[in-house]
Amino acid sequence: MSATTSSSALPFTLAQLKAAIPASCFVPSTGRSLAYFFADLALIVGLYALAAAIDQWWFYPIFWLATGTLFWSLFVVGHDCGHGSFSRHRWLNNLIGHLSHTPILVPFHGWRISHRTHHQNTGNIDHDESWYPITEDKYRSMGFLERLLRYDLALLVYPLYLFRRSPSREGGSHFLPESPIFQPGDRADIITSTICWALMFDLLVWVGFQFGFVFLLKFYLVPYVIFVIWLDLVTFLHHTEADVPWYRGQEWSFLRGALSTVDRDYGFINDIHHNIGTHVAHHIFSTIPHYHLKTATAAIKPILGDFYRVSSEPVWQSFGRSQRQCHWVPDQGTVVYYQPKS
């Protein structure tokens, strides 16, 4: 992995990076985006049809892993919608965003707005929204349950995060318009997404009562947990490494923060995950559709040089190492790095 610890000004500008990328990369194709959405849906429906037809316990682990992974792919389609990179039509972005996220119990607008905060403040200890570091003082004061959730159950915490933000941030729910995550103008959007989420939740409760808990477990809950693991794993890996700097105060800038992300290689899963591993270019220019990110990355890599971070290490190996090495950052300092468990 390439990295730099310099606190000097970057030797390139956002405008230079944008100029290096073909202009076509910034133009979403509505037809192509819809094709990915419907392809994901078709694969999911096909897997459900297979599971119902075979109905043998030996097949269910295959069904769970494949379906949970495709739930994650569907999330990534909604992720493009949230960034406005799915199409140039806001109404279509919102529609497909809800159709992608509601079935996997993600409140689209609530997530979209907090995710926007993450992109606007990536690498900023005080204002980032996603997998930001815990300061040493906060780390020392954390109770058993808080540490358990943050470090030992890290791959299962996303549903809890939706109801209450992470430690050391002002509390807030992704479902309530009054939450400090949102502005007054977001109220109608938040209510819309919360209603959609509640209807999906009620449907799942009805399915559980109508067909039994085992049926619900087999056909939804296990794939859902696998989706959550993918979401937490990928988000963690893109923002957590011992040699990635975190910034405070004037040392932080949008571009420096964007460059604190890490590209990952998920092997044959890359295409299934809609190129989510090309995360550096995505953070610099979040309006680029996922299917143009590889081209954009290739265009800016020569300019970024050592400022481009990429890891080809197996993802589970990286996760295990970062889990051991990345626990807290110093309370003071404008450029700081993760420290190991102590």
Protein backbone atom coordinates (compact mmCIF):
# COMPACT_ATOMS: atom_id res chain seq x y z
CA MET A 1 0.00 0.00 0.00
CA SER A 2 1.28 3.44 -0.90
CA ALA A 3 1.05 6.17 1.70
CA THR A 4 2.41 9.55 2.62
CA THR A 5 2.80 11.21 6.00
CA SER A 6 3.67 14.66 4.70
CA SER A 7 1.66 17.58 6.06
CA SER A 8 2.67 19.83 3.17
CA ALA A 9 0.24 20.99 0.49
CA LEU A 10 -0.71 18.42 -2.10
CA PRO A 11 1.26 18.64 -5.36
CA PHE A 12 -1.94 18.58 -7.43
CA THR A 13 -5.38 20.12 -7.33
CA LEU A 14 -8.92 18.83 -7.61
CA ALA A 15 -9.20 20.61 -10.96
CA GLN A 16 -6.12 18.81 -12.31
CA LEU A 17 -7.54 15.45 -11.27
CA LYS A 18 -10.89 16.20 -12.86
CA ALA A 19 -9.23 17.33 -16.09
CA ALA A 20 -7.40 13.99 -16.33
CA ILE A 21 -10.64 12.00 -16.29
CA PRO A 22 -12.57 11.61 -19.57
CA ALA A 23 -15.64 13.85 -19.43
CA SER A 24 -17.83 10.87 -20.32
CA CYS A 25 -17.07 9.33 -16.92
CA PHE A 26 -19.16 12.00 -15.23
CA VAL A 27 -22.24 11.29 -17.35
CA PRO A 28 -24.62 8.63 -16.01
CA SER A 29 -26.47 6.39 -18.43
CA THR A 30 -30.01 5.86 -17.18
CA GLY A 31 -30.41 2.74 -19.29
CA ARG A 32 -27.16 1.19 -18.08
CA SER A 33 -27.91 2.03 -14.45
CA LEU A 34 -31.39 0.51 -14.72
CA ALA A 35 -29.88 -2.59 -16.32
CA TYR A 36 -27.71 -3.17 -13.23
CA PHE A 37 -30.72 -2.65 -10.96
CA PHE A 38 -32.93 -5.10 -12.85
CA ALA A 39 -30.09 -7.61 -13.23
CA ASP A 40 -29.61 -7.65 -9.45
CA LEU A 41 -33.34 -8.09 -8.93
CA ALA A 42 -33.51 -10.90 -11.49
CA LEU A 43 -30.65 -12.76 -9.83
CA ILE A 44 -32.26 -12.40 -6.40
CA VAL A 45 -35.64 -13.60 -7.69
CA GLY A 46 -33.92 -16.52 -9.42
CA LEU A 47 -32.18 -17.54 -6.22
CA TYR A 48 -35.46 -17.45 -4.31
CA ALA A 49 -37.10 -19.58 -6.98
CA LEU A 50 -34.25 -22.10 -6.76
CA ALA A 51 -34.40 -22.22 -2.97
CA ALA A 52 -38.15 -22.78 -3.03
CA ALA A 53 -37.85 -25.49 -5.69
CA ILE A 54 -34.94 -27.38 -4.11
CA ASP A 55 -35.97 -26.80 -0.48
CA GLN A 56 -33.07 -28.82 0.92
CA TRP A 57 -30.92 -27.73 3.85
CA TRP A 58 -27.71 -28.43 1.92
CA PHE A 59 -28.67 -25.69 -0.55
CA TYR A 60 -29.55 -23.00 1.96
CA PRO A 61 -25.96 -21.98 2.87
CA ILE A 62 -25.33 -21.39 -0.84
CA PHE A 63 -28.59 -19.48 -1.11
CA TRP A 64 -27.80 -17.38 1.99
CA LEU A 65 -24.32 -16.38 0.88
CA ALA A 66 -25.35 -15.59 -2.70
CA THR A 67 -28.54 -13.75 -1.74
CA GLY A 68 -26.90 -11.74 1.05
CA THR A 69 -24.15 -10.74 -1.36
CA LEU A 70 -26.72 -9.63 -3.93
CA PHE A 71 -28.56 -7.66 -1.24
CA TRP A 72 -25.26 -5.82 -0.85
CA SER A 73 -25.07 -5.30 -4.62
CA LEU A 74 -28.58 -3.86 -4.52
CA PHE A 75 -27.43 -1.51 -1.77
CA VAL A 76 -24.61 -0.29 -4.04
CA VAL A 77 -27.15 0.51 -6.77
CA GLY A 78 -29.04 2.60 -4.21
CA HIS A 79 -25.70 4.10 -3.23
CA ASP A 80 -25.39 5.49 -6.77
CA CYS A 81 -28.92 6.86 -6.43
CA GLY A 82 -27.98 8.62 -3.23
CA HIS A 83 -25.06 10.35 -4.94
CA GLY A 84 -27.11 11.31 -7.96
CA SER A 85 -24.86 9.18 -10.17
CA PHE A 86 -27.60 6.71 -11.11
CA SER A 87 -29.26 9.14 -13.49
CA ARG A 88 -29.72 12.86 -14.06
CA HIS A 89 -33.35 12.59 -12.94
CA ARG A 90 -33.78 13.23 -9.22
CA TRP A 91 -37.21 11.59 -9.13
CA LEU A 92 -35.77 8.41 -10.66
CA ASN A 93 -32.82 8.40 -8.26
CA ASN A 94 -35.23 8.66 -5.34
CA LEU A 95 -37.55 5.98 -6.72
CA ILE A 96 -34.83 3.41 -7.45
CA GLY A 97 -33.08 4.37 -4.22
CA HIS A 98 -36.17 3.40 -2.25
CA LEU A 99 -36.76 0.27 -4.34
CA SER A 100 -33.14 -0.78 -3.71
CA HIS A 101 -32.86 0.11 -0.03
CA THR A 102 -36.30 -0.47 1.47
CA PRO A 103 -36.29 -4.28 0.91
CA ILE A 104 -32.98 -4.49 2.82
CA LEU A 105 -34.26 -2.26 5.66
CA VAL A 106 -32.22 0.84 4.86
CA PRO A 107 -34.09 4.19 5.10
CA PHE A 108 -32.94 5.68 1.80
CA HIS A 109 -33.08 9.40 2.54
CA GLY A 110 -31.86 9.00 6.11
CA TRP A 111 -28.87 7.04 4.87
CA ARG A 112 -28.36 9.37 1.87
CA ILE A 113 -28.07 12.47 4.04
CA SER A 114 -25.74 11.00 6.68
CA HIS A 115 -23.66 9.44 3.90
CA ARG A 116 -23.37 12.86 2.28
CA THR A 117 -21.99 14.14 5.59
CA HIS A 118 -19.42 11.35 5.50
CA HIS A 119 -18.29 12.34 2.00
CA GLN A 120 -18.10 16.02 2.88
CA ASN A 121 -15.92 15.30 5.94
CA THR A 122 -13.94 12.14 5.12
CA GLY A 123 -10.80 11.87 7.22
CA ASN A 124 -11.92 14.59 9.63
CA ILE A 125 -11.87 13.20 13.17
CA ASP A 126 -14.41 15.70 14.46
CA HIS A 127 -16.96 15.61 11.64
CA ASP A 128 -16.70 12.35 9.67
CA GLU A 129 -19.75 10.13 9.95
CA SER A 130 -18.48 6.66 9.04
CA TRP A 131 -15.90 4.52 10.85
CA TYR A 132 -14.07 7.51 12.26
CA PRO A 133 -11.52 6.89 15.05
CA ILE A 134 -12.20 6.89 18.77
CA THR A 135 -9.91 9.23 20.72
CA GLU A 136 -7.77 7.75 23.49
CA ASP A 137 -9.76 9.50 26.21
CA LYS A 138 -13.04 8.14 24.83
CA TYR A 139 -11.46 4.71 24.35
CA ARG A 140 -10.35 4.53 27.99
CA SER A 141 -13.82 5.47 29.20
CA MET A 142 -15.76 3.01 27.04
CA GLY A 143 -17.69 0.34 28.89
CA PHE A 144 -17.68 -3.38 28.12
CA LEU A 145 -20.78 -3.31 25.89
CA GLU A 146 -19.59 -0.30 23.90
CA ARG A 147 -16.20 -1.91 23.25
CA LEU A 148 -17.86 -5.20 22.36
CA LEU A 149 -20.00 -3.52 19.71
CA ARG A 150 -17.23 -1.33 18.34
CA TYR A 151 -14.45 -3.91 18.11
CA ASP A 152 -15.71 -7.47 18.53
CA LEU A 153 -19.10 -7.20 16.80
CA ALA A 154 -18.00 -4.58 14.29
CA LEU A 155 -19.48 -6.46 11.35
CA LEU A 156 -22.98 -6.50 12.81
CA VAL A 157 -23.47 -2.95 14.07
CA TYR A 158 -25.01 -1.21 11.06
CA PRO A 159 -28.67 -1.75 12.07
CA LEU A 160 -27.87 -0.24 15.49
CA TYR A 161 -26.13 2.71 13.83
CA LEU A 162 -29.35 3.50 11.96
CA PHE A 163 -31.16 3.93 15.27
CA ARG A 164 -28.35 5.69 17.10
CA ARG A 165 -25.16 7.20 15.73
CA SER A 166 -21.72 5.97 16.70
CA PRO A 167 -19.86 6.76 19.96
CA SER A 168 -18.58 10.35 20.55
CA ARG A 169 -21.13 11.89 18.16
CA GLU A 170 -24.29 13.70 19.22
CA GLY A 171 -27.07 11.15 19.35
CA GLY A 172 -29.39 10.82 16.42
CA SER A 173 -31.65 8.43 14.56
CA HIS A 174 -31.87 7.97 10.79
CA PHE A 175 -35.64 7.64 11.13
CA LEU A 176 -36.63 10.86 12.93
CA PRO A 177 -36.81 14.25 11.17
CA GLU A 178 -35.81 15.99 14.43
CA SER A 179 -32.51 14.10 14.54
CA PRO A 180 -29.38 16.32 14.61
CA ILE A 181 -28.23 14.45 11.50
CA PHE A 182 -30.78 16.37 9.43
CA GLN A 183 -31.83 19.91 8.54
CA PRO A 184 -35.42 21.20 8.73
CA GLY A 185 -35.69 21.00 4.93
CA ASP A 186 -35.08 17.24 5.08
CA ARG A 187 -38.27 16.55 7.01
CA ALA A 188 -40.48 15.33 4.16
CA ASP A 189 -37.73 13.07 2.78
CA ILE A 190 -37.05 11.49 6.17
CA ILE A 191 -40.74 10.85 6.82
CA THR A 192 -41.11 9.24 3.37
CA SER A 193 -38.21 6.86 3.89
CA THR A 194 -39.23 6.03 7.46
CA ILE A 195 -42.75 5.11 6.28
CA CYS A 196 -41.28 2.87 3.55
CA TRP A 197 -38.97 1.22 6.11
CA ALA A 198 -41.85 0.69 8.56
CA LEU A 199 -44.03 -0.90 5.85
CA MET A 200 -41.22 -3.32 4.95
CA PHE A 201 -40.67 -4.16 8.61
CA ASP A 202 -44.40 -4.75 9.10
CA LEU A 203 -44.41 -7.03 6.04
CA LEU A 204 -41.59 -9.10 7.52
CA VAL A 205 -43.44 -9.37 10.83
CA TRP A 206 -46.55 -10.53 8.96
CA VAL A 207 -44.50 -13.13 7.05
CA GLY A 208 -43.09 -14.39 10.33
CA PHE A 209 -46.54 -14.81 11.86
CA GLN A 210 -48.08 -16.23 8.70
CA PHE A 211 -45.37 -18.75 7.75
CA GLY A 212 -43.37 -19.14 10.94
CA PHE A 213 -40.07 -17.86 12.25
CA VAL A 214 -38.02 -20.63 10.58
CA PHE A 215 -39.42 -19.60 7.18
CA LEU A 216 -38.50 -15.95 7.87
CA LEU A 217 -35.05 -17.00 9.07
CA LYS A 218 -34.35 -19.12 6.00
CA PHE A 219 -35.64 -16.71 3.39
CA TYR A 220 -34.77 -13.31 4.82
CA LEU A 221 -33.00 -12.96 8.15
CA VAL A 222 -29.84 -14.95 7.32
CA PRO A 223 -29.30 -13.23 3.92
CA TYR A 224 -29.96 -9.90 5.65
CA VAL A 225 -27.22 -10.58 8.23
CA ILE A 226 -24.80 -11.49 5.43
CA PHE A 227 -25.67 -8.21 3.71
CA VAL A 228 -24.95 -6.31 6.94
CA ILE A 229 -21.59 -8.09 7.27
CA TRP A 230 -20.67 -7.06 3.72
CA LEU A 231 -21.71 -3.47 4.36
CA ASP A 232 -19.74 -3.16 7.60
CA LEU A 233 -16.72 -5.05 6.24
CA VAL A 234 -16.38 -2.97 3.08
CA THR A 235 -16.95 0.34 4.87
CA PHE A 236 -14.44 -0.58 7.56
CA LEU A 237 -11.78 -1.67 5.08
CA HIS A 238 -12.06 1.46 2.95
CA HIS A 239 -11.38 3.73 5.91
CA THR A 240 -9.33 1.80 8.43
CA GLU A 241 -5.58 1.18 8.20
CA ALA A 242 -2.80 1.92 10.68
CA ASP A 243 -0.90 4.07 8.15
CA VAL A 244 -3.89 6.17 7.03
CA PRO A 245 -3.78 9.69 8.54
CA TRP A 246 -6.70 11.40 10.25
CA TYR A 247 -6.90 15.18 10.45
CA ARG A 248 -8.00 17.94 12.78
CA GLY A 249 -8.46 21.65 12.23
CA GLN A 250 -6.74 23.36 9.33
CA GLU A 251 -4.72 20.27 8.43
CA TRP A 252 -7.90 18.77 7.01
CA SER A 253 -9.13 19.55 3.54
CA PHE A 254 -11.68 17.82 1.35
CA LEU A 255 -9.04 16.40 -1.01
CA ARG A 256 -6.68 15.24 1.74
CA GLY A 257 -9.59 13.51 3.44
CA ALA A 258 -10.70 11.85 0.23
CA LEU A 259 -7.18 10.53 -0.26
CA SER A 260 -7.26 8.86 3.16
CA THR A 261 -9.48 6.12 1.71
CA VAL A 262 -8.16 2.77 0.46
CA ASP A 263 -8.92 0.90 -2.76
CA ARG A 264 -9.49 -2.83 -2.26
CA ASP A 265 -9.46 -5.88 -4.49
CA TYR A 266 -12.37 -8.25 -3.83
CA GLY A 267 -11.41 -10.64 -6.60
CA PHE A 268 -14.29 -12.05 -8.64
CA ILE A 269 -16.67 -10.23 -6.28
CA ASN A 270 -15.53 -6.85 -7.70
CA ASP A 271 -18.01 -6.93 -10.56
CA ILE A 272 -20.82 -8.31 -8.39
CA HIS A 273 -20.22 -5.45 -5.97
CA HIS A 274 -20.38 -2.90 -8.78
CA ASN A 275 -16.75 -1.74 -8.42
CA ILE A 276 -17.25 -0.56 -4.83
CA GLY A 277 -13.55 -1.37 -4.25
CA THR A 278 -12.54 1.62 -6.42
CA HIS A 279 -13.12 3.87 -3.45
CA VAL A 280 -10.48 6.59 -3.82
CA ALA A 281 -11.83 7.95 -7.12
CA HIS A 282 -15.34 7.63 -5.71
CA HIS A 283 -14.49 9.82 -2.73
CA ILE A 284 -12.81 12.46 -4.88
CA PHE A 285 -15.66 12.56 -7.39
CA SER A 286 -18.76 10.93 -5.91
CA THR A 287 -20.97 11.76 -8.91
CA ILE A 288 -19.12 9.29 -11.16
CA PRO A 289 -21.33 6.20 -11.79
CA HIS A 290 -19.87 2.96 -10.48
CA TYR A 291 -19.33 1.58 -13.99
CA HIS A 292 -16.92 4.43 -14.83
CA LEU A 293 -14.82 4.25 -11.65
CA LYS A 294 -12.16 1.92 -13.05
CA THR A 295 -11.55 4.28 -15.98
CA ALA A 296 -11.44 7.27 -13.64
CA THR A 297 -9.02 5.52 -11.30
CA ALA A 298 -6.66 4.63 -14.14
CA ALA A 299 -6.72 8.27 -15.28
CA ILE A 300 -5.80 9.82 -11.93
CA LYS A 301 -3.33 7.23 -10.62
CA PRO A 302 -0.32 8.74 -12.46
CA ILE A 303 -1.11 12.13 -10.92
CA LEU A 304 -1.75 10.80 -7.42
CA GLY A 305 1.49 8.79 -7.30
CA ASP A 306 2.29 7.84 -3.71
CA PHE A 307 -0.87 9.57 -2.51
CA TYR A 308 -2.92 6.74 -4.03
CA ARG A 309 -3.63 3.99 -1.52
CA VAL A 310 -4.46 0.51 -2.71
CA SER A 311 -4.28 -2.89 -1.03
CA SER A 312 -4.26 -6.27 -2.76
CA GLU A 313 -4.01 -8.12 0.55
CA PRO A 314 -6.83 -10.62 1.17
CA VAL A 315 -9.68 -8.68 2.72
CA TRP A 316 -10.15 -10.93 5.74
CA GLN A 317 -6.43 -10.71 6.49
CA SER A 318 -6.59 -6.92 6.28
CA PHE A 319 -9.66 -6.86 8.48
CA GLY A 320 -8.05 -9.01 11.17
CA ARG A 321 -4.87 -6.94 11.19
CA SER A 322 -6.70 -3.62 11.32
CA GLN A 323 -8.93 -4.95 14.10
CA ARG A 324 -5.79 -5.49 16.16
CA GLN A 325 -3.91 -2.35 15.18
CA CYS A 326 -6.63 0.28 14.89
CA HIS A 327 -8.31 1.03 18.20
CA TRP A 328 -7.82 4.70 19.03
CA VAL A 329 -6.04 7.91 18.03
CA PRO A 330 -4.28 10.47 20.28
CA ASP A 331 -6.43 13.17 21.87
CA GLN A 332 -4.12 15.87 20.55
CA GLY A 333 -2.45 16.51 17.23
CA THR A 334 -3.56 17.76 13.83
CA VAL A 335 -2.39 14.69 11.90
CA VAL A 336 -2.79 11.46 13.86
CA TYR A 337 -2.78 7.70 13.26
CA TYR A 338 -4.52 4.72 14.76
CA GLN A 339 -2.92 3.02 17.72
CA PRO A 340 -3.23 -0.68 18.70
CA LYS A 341 -5.33 -2.17 21.47
CA SER A 342 -3.97 -1.36 24.91
